[in-house]
Each structure stands twice: as C-alpha cells, then as structure tokens.
Amino acid sequence: MVKEVNSPHLQVCLDAPLMPYRSTAAIHDGARAVGSRQVLSHIGGEFERLKDGSIRGYERNDGVVGEETNQYYQDFANAMRDIGYNGYLSYELCHQLPSGEWPNCGN
C-alpha cells in the first residue's frame, strides 16, 4: 500500500511484536520489504536484570506474562542495521504500570 501511494509523507513503522511470524528469516524478510521506507521504530514489553547481569525481555498482555522477546528484538535490531535504518528506537509503554511495583505508582 505504501509503495502504491508513493508519497514521501506516508512511510513505515515496522513493529516486530506485531509481525505474524517472528523467526529470524521472517524478520529480515520484512525489513528488506520495507527498506528505506522505515522511518520510525520502537520496542515494548517488560525487561528485568537477572542475577547474572543479563537482561530478560518478555511480553505482558493484560497482566499475563507471555513470549520472551530477547531473540526477536536482537533479530530486529540486526535487520534494521542491514537495511541501513539509522533512526531512533524508542520504548513504547502500552499499559499501566503495575501498582505497587514502582514508587508512587498507584499507591
């Protein structure tokens, strides 16, 4: 659709968590299909630092912990680099902060 509209005012924000398939190949295929039309991107989900210092990323939907995100975000970052994307990568918070887990958060 974006290609058909052919306007500099309509571009793409490829969103890894919303991709129907998140294999390494699917993410790279999607990035190549978008190419230079990629002008914005973001990450989301939850992140926690583990005792060994590593970071675990995971989805939380309606309070339910879901799929781990580390691999597909790593694949997505590599795919963005491969297509020459040099824009920003922001964090998107799509839910309320859990009450009681953060200071001054709903208490």
PDB file of N, CA and C in Angstrom:
ATOM      1  N   MET A   1       0.824  -1.185   0.000  1.00  0.00           N
ATOM      2  CA  MET A   1       0.000   0.000   0.000  1.00  0.00           C
ATOM      3  C   MET A   1       0.871   1.253   0.000  1.00  0.00           C
ATOM      4  N   VAL A   2       1.888   1.290   0.845  1.00  0.00           N
ATOM      5  CA  VAL A   2       2.760   2.466   0.918  1.00  0.00           C
ATOM      6  C   VAL A   2       3.447   2.705  -0.413  1.00  0.00           C
ATOM      7  N   LYS A   3       3.897   1.633  -1.034  1.00  0.00           N
ATOM      8  CA  LYS A   3       4.543   1.750  -2.345  1.00  0.00           C
ATOM      9  C   LYS A   3       3.556   2.281  -3.391  1.00  0.00           C
ATOM     10  N   GLU A   4       2.320   1.813  -3.340  1.00  0.00           N
ATOM     11  CA  GLU A   4       1.319   2.253  -4.305  1.00  0.00           C
ATOM     12  C   GLU A   4       0.953   3.723  -4.123  1.00  0.00           C
ATOM     13  N   VAL A   5       0.849   4.181  -2.878  1.00  0.00           N
ATOM     14  CA  VAL A   5       0.528   5.587  -2.622  1.00  0.00           C
ATOM     15  C   VAL A   5       1.668   6.479  -3.117  1.00  0.00           C
ATOM     16  N   ASN A   6       2.896   6.002  -2.955  1.00  0.00           N
ATOM     17  CA  ASN A   6       4.081   6.670  -3.479  1.00  0.00           C
ATOM     18  C   ASN A   6       4.161   8.140  -3.061  1.00  0.00           C
ATOM     19  N   SER A   7       4.042   8.378  -1.760  1.00  0.00           N
ATOM     20  CA  SER A   7       4.142   9.734  -1.220  1.00  0.00           C
ATOM     21  C   SER A   7       5.255   9.786  -0.188  1.00  0.00           C
ATOM     22  N   PRO A   8       6.053  10.849  -0.183  1.00  0.00           N
ATOM     23  CA  PRO A   8       7.081  10.986   0.839  1.00  0.00           C
ATOM     24  C   PRO A   8       6.477  11.207   2.229  1.00  0.00           C
ATOM     25  N   HIS A   9       5.183  11.468   2.286  1.00  0.00           N
ATOM     26  CA  HIS A   9       4.510  11.727   3.553  1.00  0.00           C
ATOM     27  C   HIS A   9       3.907  10.471   4.180  1.00  0.00           C
ATOM     28  N   LEU A  10       3.977   9.361   3.484  1.00  0.00           N
ATOM     29  CA  LEU A  10       3.483   8.086   4.014  1.00  0.00           C
ATOM     30  C   LEU A  10       4.649   7.109   4.024  1.00  0.00           C
ATOM     31  N   GLN A  11       5.093   6.755   5.213  1.00  0.00           N
ATOM     32  CA  GLN A  11       6.236   5.861   5.361  1.00  0.00           C
ATOM     33  C   GLN A  11       5.849   4.718   6.298  1.00  0.00           C
ATOM     34  N   VAL A  12       6.820   4.023   6.897  1.00  0.00           N
ATOM     35  CA  VAL A  12       6.543   2.793   7.635  1.00  0.00           C
ATOM     36  C   VAL A  12       7.181   2.795   9.017  1.00  0.00           C
ATOM     37  N   CYS A  13       6.469   2.209   9.951  1.00  0.00           N
ATOM     38  CA  CYS A  13       6.999   1.871  11.268  1.00  0.00           C
ATOM     39  C   CYS A  13       6.792   0.362  11.424  1.00  0.00           C
ATOM     40  N   LEU A  14       7.775  -0.413  11.002  1.00  0.00           N
ATOM     41  CA  LEU A  14       7.701  -1.868  11.149  1.00  0.00           C
ATOM     42  C   LEU A  14       7.820  -2.195  12.635  1.00  0.00           C
ATOM     43  N   ASP A  15       6.896  -2.957  13.151  1.00  0.00           N
ATOM     44  CA  ASP A  15       6.788  -3.231  14.587  1.00  0.00           C
ATOM     45  C   ASP A  15       6.968  -4.730  14.822  1.00  0.00           C
ATOM     46  N   ALA A  16       8.126  -5.124  15.300  1.00  0.00           N
ATOM     47  CA  ALA A  16       8.447  -6.547  15.459  1.00  0.00           C
ATOM     48  C   ALA A  16       7.401  -7.335  16.250  1.00  0.00           C
ATOM     49  N   PRO A  17       6.906  -6.844  17.392  1.00  0.00           N
ATOM     50  CA  PRO A  17       5.936  -7.647  18.133  1.00  0.00           C
ATOM     51  C   PRO A  17       4.627  -7.896  17.389  1.00  0.00           C
ATOM     52  N   LEU A  18       4.298  -7.040  16.423  1.00  0.00           N
ATOM     53  CA  LEU A  18       3.052  -7.225  15.687  1.00  0.00           C
ATOM     54  C   LEU A  18       3.219  -8.038  14.414  1.00  0.00           C
ATOM     55  N   MET A  19       4.450  -8.423  14.119  1.00  0.00           N
ATOM     56  CA  MET A  19       4.669  -9.265  12.941  1.00  0.00           C
ATOM     57  C   MET A  19       4.077 -10.641  13.197  1.00  0.00           C
ATOM     58  N   PRO A  20       3.366 -11.206  12.221  1.00  0.00           N
ATOM     59  CA  PRO A  20       2.726 -12.504  12.460  1.00  0.00           C
ATOM     60  C   PRO A  20       3.720 -13.645  12.652  1.00  0.00           C
ATOM     61  N   TYR A  21       4.899 -13.520  12.068  1.00  0.00           N
ATOM     62  CA  TYR A  21       5.943 -14.540  12.220  1.00  0.00           C
ATOM     63  C   TYR A  21       7.199 -13.844  12.705  1.00  0.00           C
ATOM     64  N   ARG A  22       7.830 -14.378  13.733  1.00  0.00           N
ATOM     65  CA  ARG A  22       8.983 -13.709  14.333  1.00  0.00           C
ATOM     66  C   ARG A  22      10.260 -14.529  14.241  1.00  0.00           C
ATOM     67  N   SER A  23      10.343 -15.385  13.256  1.00  0.00           N
ATOM     68  CA  SER A  23      11.592 -16.115  13.062  1.00  0.00           C
ATOM     69  C   SER A  23      12.630 -15.125  12.537  1.00  0.00           C
ATOM     70  N   THR A  24      13.894 -15.484  12.649  1.00  0.00           N
ATOM     71  CA  THR A  24      14.961 -14.632  12.143  1.00  0.00           C
ATOM     72  C   THR A  24      14.735 -14.321  10.665  1.00  0.00           C
ATOM     73  N   ALA A  25      14.413 -15.332   9.878  1.00  0.00           N
ATOM     74  CA  ALA A  25      14.197 -15.139   8.443  1.00  0.00           C
ATOM     75  C   ALA A  25      13.009 -14.220   8.175  1.00  0.00           C
ATOM     76  N   ALA A  26      11.910 -14.403   8.883  1.00  0.00           N
ATOM     77  CA  ALA A  26      10.714 -13.582   8.663  1.00  0.00           C
ATOM     78  C   ALA A  26      10.978 -12.119   9.007  1.00  0.00           C
ATOM     79  N   ILE A  27      11.703 -11.881  10.089  1.00  0.00           N
ATOM     80  CA  ILE A  27      12.003 -10.505  10.474  1.00  0.00           C
ATOM     81  C   ILE A  27      12.906  -9.843   9.438  1.00  0.00           C
ATOM     82  N   HIS A  28      13.918 -10.557   8.960  1.00  0.00           N
ATOM     83  CA  HIS A  28      14.803  -9.989   7.937  1.00  0.00           C
ATOM     84  C   HIS A  28      14.058  -9.783   6.612  1.00  0.00           C
ATOM     85  N   ASP A  29      13.169 -10.704   6.259  1.00  0.00           N
ATOM     86  CA  ASP A  29      12.366 -10.540   5.041  1.00  0.00           C
ATOM     87  C   ASP A  29      11.478  -9.296   5.143  1.00  0.00           C
ATOM     88  N   GLY A  30      10.852  -9.111   6.292  1.00  0.00           N
ATOM     89  CA  GLY A  30      10.008  -7.932   6.493  1.00  0.00           C
ATOM     90  C   GLY A  30      10.803  -6.643   6.404  1.00  0.00           C
ATOM     91  N   ALA A  31      11.977  -6.638   7.011  1.00  0.00           N
ATOM     92  CA  ALA A  31      12.822  -5.437   6.960  1.00  0.00           C
ATOM     93  C   ALA A  31      13.245  -5.120   5.537  1.00  0.00           C
ATOM     94  N   ARG A  32      13.619  -6.138   4.780  1.00  0.00           N
ATOM     95  CA  ARG A  32      14.016  -5.905   3.389  1.00  0.00           C
ATOM     96  C   ARG A  32      12.833  -5.391   2.556  1.00  0.00           C
ATOM     97  N   ALA A  33      11.637  -5.902   2.838  1.00  0.00           N
ATOM     98  CA  ALA A  33      10.455  -5.446   2.102  1.00  0.00           C
ATOM     99  C   ALA A  33      10.156  -3.973   2.391  1.00  0.00           C
ATOM    100  N   VAL A  34      10.394  -3.546   3.604  1.00  0.00           N
ATOM    101  CA  VAL A  34      10.154  -2.156   3.995  1.00  0.00           C
ATOM    102  C   VAL A  34      11.287  -1.258   3.505  1.00  0.00           C
ATOM    103  N   GLY A  35      12.508  -1.710   3.671  1.00  0.00           N
ATOM    104  CA  GLY A  35      13.682  -0.985   3.193  1.00  0.00           C
ATOM    105  C   GLY A  35      13.768   0.445   3.673  1.00  0.00           C
ATOM    106  N   SER A  36      14.030   1.350   2.753  1.00  0.00           N
ATOM    107  CA  SER A  36      14.251   2.756   3.104  1.00  0.00           C
ATOM    108  C   SER A  36      12.977   3.467   3.552  1.00  0.00           C
ATOM    109  N   ARG A  37      11.826   2.815   3.457  1.00  0.00           N
ATOM    110  CA  ARG A  37      10.581   3.425   3.939  1.00  0.00           C
ATOM    111  C   ARG A  37      10.460   3.367   5.458  1.00  0.00           C
ATOM    112  N   GLN A  38      11.350   2.620   6.107  1.00  0.00           N
ATOM    113  CA  GLN A  38      11.341   2.531   7.573  1.00  0.00           C
ATOM    114  C   GLN A  38      11.832   3.860   8.141  1.00  0.00           C
ATOM    115  N   VAL A  39      10.962   4.585   8.863  1.00  0.00           N
ATOM    116  CA  VAL A  39      11.331   5.902   9.372  1.00  0.00           C
ATOM    117  C   VAL A  39      11.180   6.037  10.885  1.00  0.00           C
ATOM    118  N   LEU A  40      10.633   5.029  11.523  1.00  0.00           N
ATOM    119  CA  LEU A  40      10.392   5.085  12.959  1.00  0.00           C
ATOM    120  C   LEU A  40      10.286   3.660  13.471  1.00  0.00           C
ATOM    121  N   SER A  41      10.756   3.428  14.666  1.00  0.00           N
ATOM    122  CA  SER A  41      10.554   2.118  15.250  1.00  0.00           C
ATOM    123  C   SER A  41      10.580   2.213  16.767  1.00  0.00           C
ATOM    124  N   HIS A  42      10.057   1.199  17.394  1.00  0.00           N
ATOM    125  CA  HIS A  42      10.011   1.178  18.849  1.00  0.00           C
ATOM    126  C   HIS A  42      10.048  -0.266  19.347  1.00  0.00           C
ATOM    127  N   ILE A  43      10.344  -0.379  20.616  1.00  0.00           N
ATOM    128  CA  ILE A  43      10.289  -1.664  21.297  1.00  0.00           C
ATOM    129  C   ILE A  43       9.304  -1.528  22.436  1.00  0.00           C
ATOM    130  N   GLY A  44       8.875  -2.627  22.972  1.00  0.00           N
ATOM    131  CA  GLY A  44       7.949  -2.600  24.098  1.00  0.00           C
ATOM    132  C   GLY A  44       8.151  -3.842  24.940  1.00  0.00           C
ATOM    133  N   GLY A  45       7.283  -4.018  25.887  1.00  0.00           N
ATOM    134  CA  GLY A  45       7.374  -5.185  26.752  1.00  0.00           C
ATOM    135  C   GLY A  45       7.996  -4.846  28.089  1.00  0.00           C
ATOM    136  N   GLU A  46       8.398  -5.863  28.761  1.00  0.00           N
ATOM    137  CA  GLU A  46       8.980  -5.738  30.096  1.00  0.00           C
ATOM    138  C   GLU A  46      10.419  -6.229  30.050  1.00  0.00           C
ATOM    139  N   PHE A  47      11.237  -5.671  30.896  1.00  0.00           N
ATOM    140  CA  PHE A  47      12.641  -6.063  30.967  1.00  0.00           C
ATOM    141  C   PHE A  47      13.051  -6.163  32.416  1.00  0.00           C
ATOM    142  N   GLU A  48      13.840  -7.175  32.728  1.00  0.00           N
ATOM    143  CA  GLU A  48      14.369  -7.306  34.086  1.00  0.00           C
ATOM    144  C   GLU A  48      15.814  -7.773  34.023  1.00  0.00           C
ATOM    145  N   ARG A  49      16.620  -7.238  34.935  1.00  0.00           N
ATOM    146  CA  ARG A  49      18.016  -7.657  35.010  1.00  0.00           C
ATOM    147  C   ARG A  49      18.086  -8.887  35.921  1.00  0.00           C
ATOM    148  N   LEU A  50      18.683  -9.948  35.433  1.00  0.00           N
ATOM    149  CA  LEU A  50      18.809 -11.185  36.188  1.00  0.00           C
ATOM    150  C   LEU A  50      20.051 -11.136  37.076  1.00  0.00           C
ATOM    151  N   LYS A  51      20.143 -12.059  38.005  1.00  0.00           N
ATOM    152  CA  LYS A  51      21.262 -12.079  38.951  1.00  0.00           C
ATOM    153  C   LYS A  51      22.614 -12.187  38.271  1.00  0.00           C
ATOM    154  N   ASP A  52      22.666 -12.838  37.100  1.00  0.00           N
ATOM    155  CA  ASP A  52      23.942 -12.976  36.388  1.00  0.00           C
ATOM    156  C   ASP A  52      24.291 -11.728  35.572  1.00  0.00           C
ATOM    157  N   GLY A  53      23.434 -10.691  35.638  1.00  0.00           N
ATOM    158  CA  GLY A  53      23.690  -9.443  34.943  1.00  0.00           C
ATOM    159  C   GLY A  53      23.036  -9.350  33.579  1.00  0.00           C
ATOM    160  N   SER A  54      22.538 -10.461  33.054  1.00  0.00           N
ATOM    161  CA  SER A  54      21.878 -10.429  31.754  1.00  0.00           C
ATOM    162  C   SER A  54      20.485  -9.803  31.903  1.00  0.00           C
ATOM    163  N   ILE A  55      19.894  -9.473  30.778  1.00  0.00           N
ATOM    164  CA  ILE A  55      18.566  -8.861  30.780  1.00  0.00           C
ATOM    165  C   ILE A  55      17.590  -9.805  30.096  1.00  0.00           C
ATOM    166  N   ARG A  56      16.466 -10.028  30.732  1.00  0.00           N
ATOM    167  CA  ARG A  56      15.397 -10.851  30.176  1.00  0.00           C
ATOM    168  C   ARG A  56      14.292  -9.922  29.714  1.00  0.00           C
ATOM    169  N   GLY A  57      13.903 -10.062  28.455  1.00  0.00           N
ATOM    170  CA  GLY A  57      12.777  -9.308  27.923  1.00  0.00           C
ATOM    171  C   GLY A  57      11.607 -10.242  27.703  1.00  0.00           C
ATOM    172  N   TYR A  58      10.411  -9.763  27.986  1.00  0.00           N
ATOM    173  CA  TYR A  58       9.224 -10.588  27.799  1.00  0.00           C
ATOM    174  C   TYR A  58       8.007  -9.699  27.598  1.00  0.00           C
ATOM    175  N   GLU A  59       6.988 -10.278  27.015  1.00  0.00           N
ATOM    176  CA  GLU A  59       5.723  -9.581  26.817  1.00  0.00           C
ATOM    177  C   GLU A  59       4.845  -9.747  28.039  1.00  0.00           C
ATOM    178  N   ARG A  60       4.024  -8.743  28.297  1.00  0.00           N
ATOM    179  CA  ARG A  60       2.996  -8.850  29.329  1.00  0.00           C
ATOM    180  C   ARG A  60       1.729  -8.258  28.740  1.00  0.00           C
ATOM    181  N   ASN A  61       0.722  -9.094  28.557  1.00  0.00           N
ATOM    182  CA  ASN A  61      -0.555  -8.657  27.996  1.00  0.00           C
ATOM    183  C   ASN A  61      -1.657  -8.887  29.007  1.00  0.00           C
ATOM    184  N   ASP A  62      -2.304  -7.801  29.391  1.00  0.00           N
ATOM    185  CA  ASP A  62      -3.369  -7.860  30.403  1.00  0.00           C
ATOM    186  C   ASP A  62      -2.892  -8.569  31.663  1.00  0.00           C
ATOM    187  N   GLY A  63      -1.647  -8.303  32.057  1.00  0.00           N
ATOM    188  CA  GLY A  63      -1.091  -8.867  33.273  1.00  0.00           C
ATOM    189  C   GLY A  63      -0.526 -10.266  33.119  1.00  0.00           C
ATOM    190  N   VAL A  64      -0.691 -10.873  31.962  1.00  0.00           N
ATOM    191  CA  VAL A  64      -0.221 -12.239  31.729  1.00  0.00           C
ATOM    192  C   VAL A  64       1.138 -12.193  31.041  1.00  0.00           C
ATOM    193  N   VAL A  65       2.133 -12.832  31.645  1.00  0.00           N
ATOM    194  CA  VAL A  65       3.467 -12.880  31.057  1.00  0.00           C
ATOM    195  C   VAL A  65       3.439 -13.825  29.869  1.00  0.00           C
ATOM    196  N   GLY A  66       3.982 -13.345  28.753  1.00  0.00           N
ATOM    197  CA  GLY A  66       3.958 -14.128  27.527  1.00  0.00           C
ATOM    198  C   GLY A  66       5.347 -14.420  26.998  1.00  0.00           C
ATOM    199  N   GLU A  67       5.457 -14.390  25.696  1.00  0.00           N
ATOM    200  CA  GLU A  67       6.661 -14.764  24.968  1.00  0.00           C
ATOM    201  C   GLU A  67       7.877 -13.926  25.368  1.00  0.00           C
ATOM    202  N   GLU A  68       9.032 -14.584  25.389  1.00  0.00           N
ATOM    203  CA  GLU A  68      10.284 -13.858  25.612  1.00  0.00           C
ATOM    204  C   GLU A  68      10.628 -13.084  24.345  1.00  0.00           C
ATOM    205  N   THR A  69      11.226 -11.919  24.505  1.00  0.00           N
ATOM    206  CA  THR A  69      11.457 -11.015  23.378  1.00  0.00           C
ATOM    207  C   THR A  69      12.917 -10.853  22.986  1.00  0.00           C
ATOM    208  N   ASN A  70      13.850 -11.349  23.778  1.00  0.00           N
ATOM    209  CA  ASN A  70      15.267 -11.091  23.505  1.00  0.00           C
ATOM    210  C   ASN A  70      15.676 -11.480  22.094  1.00  0.00           C
ATOM    211  N   GLN A  71      15.320 -12.676  21.645  1.00  0.00           N
ATOM    212  CA  GLN A  71      15.795 -13.137  20.340  1.00  0.00           C
ATOM    213  C   GLN A  71      15.196 -12.324  19.209  1.00  0.00           C
ATOM    214  N   TYR A  72      13.872 -12.106  19.239  1.00  0.00           N
ATOM    215  CA  TYR A  72      13.315 -11.392  18.091  1.00  0.00           C
ATOM    216  C   TYR A  72      13.689  -9.917  18.090  1.00  0.00           C
ATOM    217  N   TYR A  73      13.954  -9.311  19.246  1.00  0.00           N
ATOM    218  CA  TYR A  73      14.452  -7.932  19.233  1.00  0.00           C
ATOM    219  C   TYR A  73      15.900  -7.874  18.739  1.00  0.00           C
ATOM    220  N   GLN A  74      16.683  -8.871  19.072  1.00  0.00           N
ATOM    221  CA  GLN A  74      18.051  -8.927  18.542  1.00  0.00           C
ATOM    222  C   GLN A  74      18.010  -9.084  17.025  1.00  0.00           C
ATOM    223  N   ASP A  75      17.158  -9.984  16.535  1.00  0.00           N
ATOM    224  CA  ASP A  75      17.000 -10.163  15.093  1.00  0.00           C
ATOM    225  C   ASP A  75      16.511  -8.874  14.435  1.00  0.00           C
ATOM    226  N   PHE A  76      15.571  -8.188  15.086  1.00  0.00           N
ATOM    227  CA  PHE A  76      15.020  -6.950  14.542  1.00  0.00           C
ATOM    228  C   PHE A  76      16.099  -5.869  14.468  1.00  0.00           C
ATOM    229  N   ALA A  77      16.892  -5.720  15.519  1.00  0.00           N
ATOM    230  CA  ALA A  77      17.972  -4.724  15.505  1.00  0.00           C
ATOM    231  C   ALA A  77      18.965  -5.027  14.391  1.00  0.00           C
ATOM    232  N   ASN A  78      19.316  -6.276  14.216  1.00  0.00           N
ATOM    233  CA  ASN A  78      20.232  -6.654  13.137  1.00  0.00           C
ATOM    234  C   ASN A  78      19.615  -6.368  11.765  1.00  0.00           C
ATOM    235  N   ALA A  79      18.332  -6.649  11.608  1.00  0.00           N
ATOM    236  CA  ALA A  79      17.655  -6.406  10.332  1.00  0.00           C
ATOM    237  C   ALA A  79      17.603  -4.909  10.027  1.00  0.00           C
ATOM    238  N   MET A  80      17.353  -4.091  11.057  1.00  0.00           N
ATOM    239  CA  MET A  80      17.323  -2.642  10.849  1.00  0.00           C
ATOM    240  C   MET A  80      18.704  -2.143  10.416  1.00  0.00           C
ATOM    241  N   ARG A  81      19.735  -2.662  11.025  1.00  0.00           N
ATOM    242  CA  ARG A  81      21.101  -2.298  10.627  1.00  0.00           C
ATOM    243  C   ARG A  81      21.354  -2.711   9.179  1.00  0.00           C
ATOM    244  N   ASP A  82      20.914  -3.916   8.827  1.00  0.00           N
ATOM    245  CA  ASP A  82      21.159  -4.437   7.483  1.00  0.00           C
ATOM    246  C   ASP A  82      20.480  -3.610   6.387  1.00  0.00           C
ATOM    247  N   ILE A  83      19.337  -2.994   6.698  1.00  0.00           N
ATOM    248  CA  ILE A  83      18.664  -2.168   5.683  1.00  0.00           C
ATOM    249  C   ILE A  83      19.118  -0.710   5.753  1.00  0.00           C
ATOM    250  N   GLY A  84      20.042  -0.403   6.655  1.00  0.00           N
ATOM    251  CA  GLY A  84      20.574   0.958   6.741  1.00  0.00           C
ATOM    252  C   GLY A  84      19.733   1.910   7.558  1.00  0.00           C
ATOM    253  N   TYR A  85      18.811   1.384   8.371  1.00  0.00           N
ATOM    254  CA  TYR A  85      17.994   2.256   9.222  1.00  0.00           C
ATOM    255  C   TYR A  85      18.897   2.909  10.251  1.00  0.00           C
ATOM    256  N   ASN A  86      18.847   4.230  10.340  1.00  0.00           N
ATOM    257  CA  ASN A  86      19.667   4.917  11.330  1.00  0.00           C
ATOM    258  C   ASN A  86      18.842   5.898  12.148  1.00  0.00           C
ATOM    259  N   GLY A  87      17.559   5.633  12.236  1.00  0.00           N
ATOM    260  CA  GLY A  87      16.667   6.480  13.023  1.00  0.00           C
ATOM    261  C   GLY A  87      16.647   6.057  14.484  1.00  0.00           C
ATOM    262  N   TYR A  88      15.729   6.641  15.189  1.00  0.00           N
ATOM    263  CA  TYR A  88      15.594   6.366  16.613  1.00  0.00           C
ATOM    264  C   TYR A  88      14.870   5.051  16.858  1.00  0.00           C
ATOM    265  N   LEU A  89      15.110   4.492  18.008  1.00  0.00           N
ATOM    266  CA  LEU A  89      14.387   3.326  18.501  1.00  0.00           C
ATOM    267  C   LEU A  89      13.879   3.724  19.882  1.00  0.00           C
ATOM    268  N   SER A  90      12.581   3.906  20.014  1.00  0.00           N
ATOM    269  CA  SER A  90      12.015   4.367  21.276  1.00  0.00           C
ATOM    270  C   SER A  90      11.345   3.211  22.012  1.00  0.00           C
ATOM    271  N   TYR A  91      11.065   3.439  23.288  1.00  0.00           N
ATOM    272  CA  TYR A  91      10.354   2.453  24.099  1.00  0.00           C
ATOM    273  C   TYR A  91       8.891   2.858  24.156  1.00  0.00           C
ATOM    274  N   GLU A  92       8.009   1.934  23.847  1.00  0.00           N
ATOM    275  CA  GLU A  92       6.581   2.190  23.858  1.00  0.00           C
ATOM    276  C   GLU A  92       5.958   1.483  25.050  1.00  0.00           C
ATOM    277  N   LEU A  93       5.351   2.249  25.924  1.00  0.00           N
ATOM    278  CA  LEU A  93       4.674   1.697  27.090  1.00  0.00           C
ATOM    279  C   LEU A  93       3.188   1.635  26.763  1.00  0.00           C
ATOM    280  N   CYS A  94       2.668   0.429  26.615  1.00  0.00           N
ATOM    281  CA  CYS A  94       1.287   0.252  26.153  1.00  0.00           C
ATOM    282  C   CYS A  94       0.335  -0.175  27.265  1.00  0.00           C
ATOM    283  N   HIS A  95       0.738  -0.051  28.485  1.00  0.00           N
ATOM    284  CA  HIS A  95      -0.134  -0.475  29.572  1.00  0.00           C
ATOM    285  C   HIS A  95       0.166   0.340  30.813  1.00  0.00           C
ATOM    286  N   GLN A  96      -0.697   0.213  31.796  1.00  0.00           N
ATOM    287  CA  GLN A  96      -0.462   0.892  33.062  1.00  0.00           C
ATOM    288  C   GLN A  96       0.711   0.228  33.768  1.00  0.00           C
ATOM    289  N   LEU A  97       1.439   1.019  34.535  1.00  0.00           N
ATOM    290  CA  LEU A  97       2.496   0.444  35.351  1.00  0.00           C
ATOM    291  C   LEU A  97       1.864  -0.400  36.449  1.00  0.00           C
ATOM    292  N   PRO A  98       2.471  -1.542  36.774  1.00  0.00           N
ATOM    293  CA  PRO A  98       1.908  -2.398  37.824  1.00  0.00           C
ATOM    294  C   PRO A  98       1.856  -1.666  39.162  1.00  0.00           C
ATOM    295  N   SER A  99       0.721  -1.627  39.793  1.00  0.00           N
ATOM    296  CA  SER A  99       0.541  -0.949  41.070  1.00  0.00           C
ATOM    297  C   SER A  99       1.406  -1.591  42.146  1.00  0.00           C
ATOM    298  N   GLY A 100       2.118  -0.766  42.879  1.00  0.00           N
ATOM    299  CA  GLY A 100       2.920  -1.252  43.999  1.00  0.00           C
ATOM    300  C   GLY A 100       4.312  -1.699  43.641  1.00  0.00           C
ATOM    301  N   GLU A 101       4.601  -1.910  42.366  1.00  0.00           N
ATOM    302  CA  GLU A 101       5.924  -2.372  41.984  1.00  0.00           C
ATOM    303  C   GLU A 101       6.909  -1.231  41.813  1.00  0.00           C
ATOM    304  N   TRP A 102       6.418   0.004  41.587  1.00  0.00           N
ATOM    305  CA  TRP A 102       7.292   1.152  41.396  1.00  0.00           C
ATOM    306  C   TRP A 102       6.868   2.227  42.396  1.00  0.00           C
ATOM    307  N   PRO A 103       7.791   2.995  42.916  1.00  0.00           N
ATOM    308  CA  PRO A 103       7.419   4.063  43.861  1.00  0.00           C
ATOM    309  C   PRO A 103       6.423   5.034  43.239  1.00  0.00           C
ATOM    310  N   ASN A 104       5.467   5.477  44.027  1.00  0.00           N
ATOM    311  CA  ASN A 104       4.466   6.458  43.614  1.00  0.00           C
ATOM    312  C   ASN A 104       3.651   5.998  42.409  1.00  0.00           C
ATOM    313  N   CYS A 105       3.438   4.706  42.311  1.00  0.00           N
ATOM    314  CA  CYS A 105       2.708   4.176  41.170  1.00  0.00           C
ATOM    315  C   CYS A 105       1.404   3.546  41.648  1.00  0.00           C
ATOM    316  N   GLY A 106       0.393   4.366  41.768  1.00  0.00           N
ATOM    317  CA  GLY A 106      -0.937   3.860  42.098  1.00  0.00           C
ATOM    318  C   GLY A 106      -1.152   3.545  43.559  1.00  0.00           C
ATOM    319  N   ASN A 107      -0.247   3.945  44.412  1.00  0.00           N
ATOM    320  CA  ASN A 107      -0.439   3.699  45.856  1.00  0.00           C
ATOM    321  C   ASN A 107      -0.853   4.958  46.553  1.00  0.00           C
TER     322      ASN A 107
END
